[in-house]
N, C-alpha and C. Protein backbone atom coordinates (compact mmCIF):
# COMPACT_ATOMS: atom_id res chain seq x y z
N UNK A 1 -16.70 63.07 -22.75
CA UNK A 1 -16.84 62.36 -24.12
C UNK A 1 -16.14 61.69 -25.20
N UNK A 2 -16.72 60.78 -26.36
CA UNK A 2 -16.58 59.64 -26.87
C UNK A 2 -16.29 60.49 -28.40
N UNK A 3 -16.73 59.02 -29.04
CA UNK A 3 -16.54 58.91 -30.56
C UNK A 3 -17.30 57.43 -30.73
N UNK A 4 -17.51 57.58 -31.58
CA UNK A 4 -19.05 56.22 -32.18
C UNK A 4 -18.28 56.37 -33.36
N UNK A 5 -17.95 55.20 -33.61
CA UNK A 5 -17.06 54.63 -34.77
C UNK A 5 -17.99 52.81 -35.65
N UNK A 6 -17.56 52.63 -36.48
CA UNK A 6 -18.09 52.09 -37.38
C UNK A 6 -17.54 50.34 -35.97
N UNK A 7 -16.68 50.67 -35.46
CA UNK A 7 -16.54 49.34 -34.98
C UNK A 7 -17.05 49.04 -33.71
N UNK A 8 -17.89 50.44 -33.06
CA UNK A 8 -18.47 50.51 -31.61
C UNK A 8 -19.84 50.28 -32.45
N UNK A 9 -20.23 50.12 -33.75
CA UNK A 9 -21.78 49.67 -33.36
C UNK A 9 -21.18 48.53 -34.11
N UNK A 10 -20.13 48.01 -34.81
CA UNK A 10 -20.34 46.34 -34.57
C UNK A 10 -20.16 45.55 -33.52
N UNK A 11 -19.24 46.41 -32.25
CA UNK A 11 -18.78 45.34 -31.70
C UNK A 11 -19.30 45.52 -30.24
N UNK A 12 -19.77 46.57 -30.62
CA UNK A 12 -20.80 46.84 -29.24
C UNK A 12 -22.64 46.65 -29.53
N UNK A 13 -22.51 46.38 -30.83
CA UNK A 13 -24.14 46.30 -30.72
C UNK A 13 -24.47 45.12 -31.40
N UNK A 14 -24.72 45.47 -33.02
CA UNK A 14 -24.60 44.40 -33.65
C UNK A 14 -24.43 42.57 -33.27
N UNK A 15 -22.85 42.96 -32.53
CA UNK A 15 -22.33 41.70 -32.02
C UNK A 15 -22.88 41.29 -30.98
N UNK A 16 -23.62 41.66 -30.33
CA UNK A 16 -24.40 41.17 -28.86
C UNK A 16 -25.83 41.61 -29.24
N UNK A 17 -26.62 41.75 -30.24
CA UNK A 17 -27.86 41.74 -30.35
C UNK A 17 -28.60 42.89 -29.58
N UNK A 18 -27.73 43.99 -29.31
CA UNK A 18 -27.87 45.44 -28.50
C UNK A 18 -28.69 46.20 -29.34
N UNK A 19 -30.53 46.50 -29.46
CA UNK A 19 -31.03 47.28 -29.62
C UNK A 19 -30.22 48.86 -30.42
N UNK A 20 -30.92 49.02 -31.62
CA UNK A 20 -29.95 50.70 -32.65
C UNK A 20 -30.58 51.20 -31.15
N UNK A 21 -32.02 51.99 -30.91
CA UNK A 21 -32.13 52.89 -29.62
C UNK A 21 -31.66 53.15 -28.14
N UNK A 22 -30.94 52.34 -28.54
CA UNK A 22 -29.77 52.91 -27.42
C UNK A 22 -28.69 53.72 -27.88
N UNK A 23 -28.55 54.59 -26.54
CA UNK A 23 -28.16 55.81 -26.63
C UNK A 23 -26.69 55.49 -27.36
N UNK A 24 -26.44 56.79 -28.13
CA UNK A 24 -24.64 56.46 -28.44
C UNK A 24 -23.92 56.98 -27.20
N UNK A 25 -23.74 57.70 -25.99
CA UNK A 25 -23.29 57.98 -25.45
C UNK A 25 -23.22 56.86 -24.38
N UNK A 26 -23.99 55.88 -24.44
CA UNK A 26 -24.22 54.36 -24.04
C UNK A 26 -22.66 53.27 -24.33
N UNK A 27 -22.74 53.77 -25.63
CA UNK A 27 -21.79 52.98 -26.53
C UNK A 27 -20.30 53.48 -27.15
N UNK A 28 -20.24 54.65 -26.59
CA UNK A 28 -19.39 55.00 -27.87
C UNK A 28 -17.59 54.77 -26.91
N UNK A 29 -16.91 55.21 -27.98
CA UNK A 29 -15.51 54.41 -27.33
C UNK A 29 -15.28 56.02 -26.51
N UNK A 30 -14.33 55.77 -25.52
CA UNK A 30 -13.63 56.61 -24.73
C UNK A 30 -13.13 56.22 -23.53
N UNK A 31 -12.14 57.36 -23.42
CA UNK A 31 -11.90 58.61 -23.05
C UNK A 31 -11.56 58.60 -25.06
N UNK A 32 -11.50 60.09 -24.90
CA UNK A 32 -11.75 61.00 -26.63
C UNK A 32 -10.30 61.05 -26.89
N UNK A 33 -9.38 60.42 -27.41
CA UNK A 33 -7.91 60.36 -27.95
C UNK A 33 -7.98 61.58 -29.10
N UNK A 34 -7.23 63.00 -28.43
CA UNK A 34 -7.48 63.67 -29.43
C UNK A 34 -5.73 64.55 -29.55
N UNK A 35 -5.43 65.23 -30.45
CA UNK A 35 -4.09 66.03 -31.41
C UNK A 35 -4.40 67.52 -31.47
N UNK A 36 -2.97 68.51 -31.01
CA UNK A 36 -3.70 69.79 -31.05
C UNK A 36 -3.56 70.33 -32.37
N UNK A 37 -4.11 71.31 -33.12
CA UNK A 37 -4.00 71.43 -34.66
C UNK A 37 -2.79 71.59 -35.29
N UNK A 38 -1.76 71.93 -34.22
CA UNK A 38 0.04 71.90 -34.76
C UNK A 38 0.46 70.09 -35.50
N UNK A 39 -0.28 69.06 -34.69
CA UNK A 39 0.90 68.53 -34.98
C UNK A 39 1.35 67.98 -36.31
N UNK A 40 2.58 67.01 -36.55
CA UNK A 40 2.47 66.62 -38.48
C UNK A 40 2.15 65.08 -37.85
N UNK A 41 2.39 65.41 -39.60
CA UNK A 41 1.91 63.86 -39.78
C UNK A 41 1.94 62.46 -39.26
N UNK A 42 3.57 62.57 -39.16
CA UNK A 42 4.18 61.18 -38.61
C UNK A 42 3.74 61.40 -37.00
N UNK A 43 3.38 62.73 -36.08
CA UNK A 43 3.19 61.75 -34.52
C UNK A 43 2.00 62.09 -34.45
N UNK A 44 1.12 61.91 -35.38
CA UNK A 44 -0.98 61.73 -35.61
C UNK A 44 -0.82 60.02 -35.88
N UNK A 45 0.18 59.59 -36.49
CA UNK A 45 0.71 58.62 -37.45
C UNK A 45 0.70 57.68 -35.81
N UNK A 46 1.92 58.27 -35.01
CA UNK A 46 2.52 57.15 -34.10
C UNK A 46 1.32 57.36 -33.39
N UNK A 47 0.65 57.88 -33.00
CA UNK A 47 -0.21 58.35 -31.74
C UNK A 47 -1.09 57.19 -32.28
N UNK A 48 -1.80 57.26 -33.60
CA UNK A 48 -2.89 56.59 -34.15
C UNK A 48 -2.77 55.03 -33.73
N UNK A 49 -1.13 54.46 -34.15
CA UNK A 49 -0.85 53.49 -34.21
C UNK A 49 -0.57 52.60 -32.86
N UNK A 50 0.13 53.46 -31.80
CA UNK A 50 -0.08 52.76 -30.62
C UNK A 50 -1.13 52.83 -29.54
N UNK A 51 -2.02 53.81 -30.29
CA UNK A 51 -3.44 53.43 -29.11
C UNK A 51 -4.79 53.35 -30.22
N UNK A 52 -4.30 52.73 -31.17
CA UNK A 52 -5.08 51.61 -31.67
C UNK A 52 -6.40 52.06 -32.87
N UNK A 53 -6.11 53.39 -33.11
CA UNK A 53 -7.19 53.98 -33.38
C UNK A 53 -7.02 54.88 -34.71
N UNK A 54 -8.53 54.58 -35.54
CA UNK A 54 -8.45 55.09 -37.22
C UNK A 54 -8.41 56.25 -37.44
N UNK A 55 -8.87 57.27 -36.49
CA UNK A 55 -9.83 58.37 -36.84
C UNK A 55 -8.63 59.18 -35.12
N UNK A 56 -8.35 59.78 -35.87
CA UNK A 56 -7.74 61.65 -34.53
C UNK A 56 -8.33 62.42 -34.72
N UNK A 57 -9.07 62.59 -33.78
CA UNK A 57 -9.84 64.52 -33.99
C UNK A 57 -8.93 65.33 -33.47
N UNK A 58 -9.36 66.45 -34.12
CA UNK A 58 -7.49 67.46 -33.90
C UNK A 58 -8.77 68.97 -33.26
N UNK A 59 -7.60 68.69 -32.50
CA UNK A 59 -8.71 70.62 -31.22
C UNK A 59 -7.83 71.55 -31.15
N UNK A 60 -8.24 72.38 -31.58
CA UNK A 60 -8.19 73.82 -30.76
C UNK A 60 -8.64 74.73 -29.93
N UNK A 61 -8.09 75.51 -28.94
CA UNK A 61 -8.96 76.12 -28.16
C UNK A 61 -10.42 74.99 -27.73
N UNK A 62 -10.27 73.97 -27.40
CA UNK A 62 -10.61 72.86 -27.10
C UNK A 62 -12.48 72.97 -27.91
N UNK A 63 -11.83 73.15 -29.64
CA UNK A 63 -12.84 72.94 -30.27
C UNK A 63 -12.50 71.74 -31.74
N UNK A 64 -12.76 71.05 -31.95
CA UNK A 64 -12.79 70.67 -32.94
C UNK A 64 -12.85 71.05 -34.17
N UNK A 65 -11.68 71.06 -35.19
CA UNK A 65 -11.38 71.63 -36.36
C UNK A 65 -10.88 70.83 -36.88
N UNK A 66 -11.23 69.17 -36.92
CA UNK A 66 -10.51 68.39 -38.42
C UNK A 66 -10.30 66.94 -37.65
N UNK A 67 -10.76 65.75 -38.24
CA UNK A 67 -10.11 64.39 -38.01
C UNK A 67 -9.41 63.96 -38.89
N UNK A 68 -8.27 63.50 -38.70
CA UNK A 68 -7.34 62.88 -39.18
C UNK A 68 -7.41 61.60 -39.43
N UNK A 69 -8.07 60.32 -40.51
CA UNK A 69 -8.51 58.71 -40.56
C UNK A 69 -6.71 58.64 -40.86
N UNK A 70 -6.64 57.27 -40.82
CA UNK A 70 -5.49 56.02 -41.43
C UNK A 70 -5.89 56.15 -42.92
N UNK A 71 -6.73 56.42 -43.34
CA UNK A 71 -7.22 56.02 -44.76
C UNK A 71 -6.47 57.40 -45.47
N UNK A 72 -6.73 59.00 -44.44
CA UNK A 72 -5.64 60.37 -44.89
C UNK A 72 -4.18 59.89 -44.54
N UNK A 73 -3.36 58.67 -44.03
CA UNK A 73 -2.46 58.77 -43.19
C UNK A 73 -1.74 57.91 -45.10
N UNK A 74 -2.14 56.95 -45.17
CA UNK A 74 -2.58 55.79 -46.45
C UNK A 74 -2.18 56.77 -48.14
N UNK A 75 -2.89 57.53 -47.82
CA UNK A 75 -3.16 58.67 -48.84
C UNK A 75 -1.58 59.34 -48.99
N UNK A 76 -1.63 60.19 -47.74
CA UNK A 76 -0.10 60.78 -47.86
C UNK A 76 0.55 60.36 -48.57
N UNK A 77 1.32 58.84 -47.80
CA UNK A 77 2.09 58.23 -47.75
C UNK A 77 2.61 57.70 -49.10
N UNK A 78 1.62 57.53 -49.49
CA UNK A 78 1.61 57.08 -51.42
C UNK A 78 1.99 58.63 -52.48
N UNK A 79 1.88 59.42 -51.92
CA UNK A 79 1.61 60.81 -52.55
C UNK A 79 2.91 60.57 -51.90
N UNK A 80 4.26 60.43 -51.31
CA UNK A 80 5.08 60.95 -51.08
C UNK A 80 5.35 62.28 -49.97
N UNK A 81 3.94 62.66 -49.35
CA UNK A 81 4.33 63.40 -48.44
C UNK A 81 4.80 63.51 -46.99
N UNK A 82 4.84 61.63 -46.61
CA UNK A 82 5.57 61.06 -45.26
C UNK A 82 6.50 60.24 -45.57
N UNK A 83 7.71 60.91 -45.00
CA UNK A 83 8.58 59.82 -45.42
C UNK A 83 9.13 59.04 -43.40
């Protein structure tokens, strides 16, 4: 399992002139880095920074229940929710 992001589109398709008809599974980022539903925002930020990712899928009982984005972290910090 993996995730297909704009970074994948730019670096794996457009930058190397590959056709957009290629299957997503052939160019998605893998393995998929995830976190459990109970993770706190600071822990999520540490994972995202250490793995150089901008999206962190949140999993509960092997099901996707949400995605934390870098923008979410910035907004939380700006609102004073993270210290």
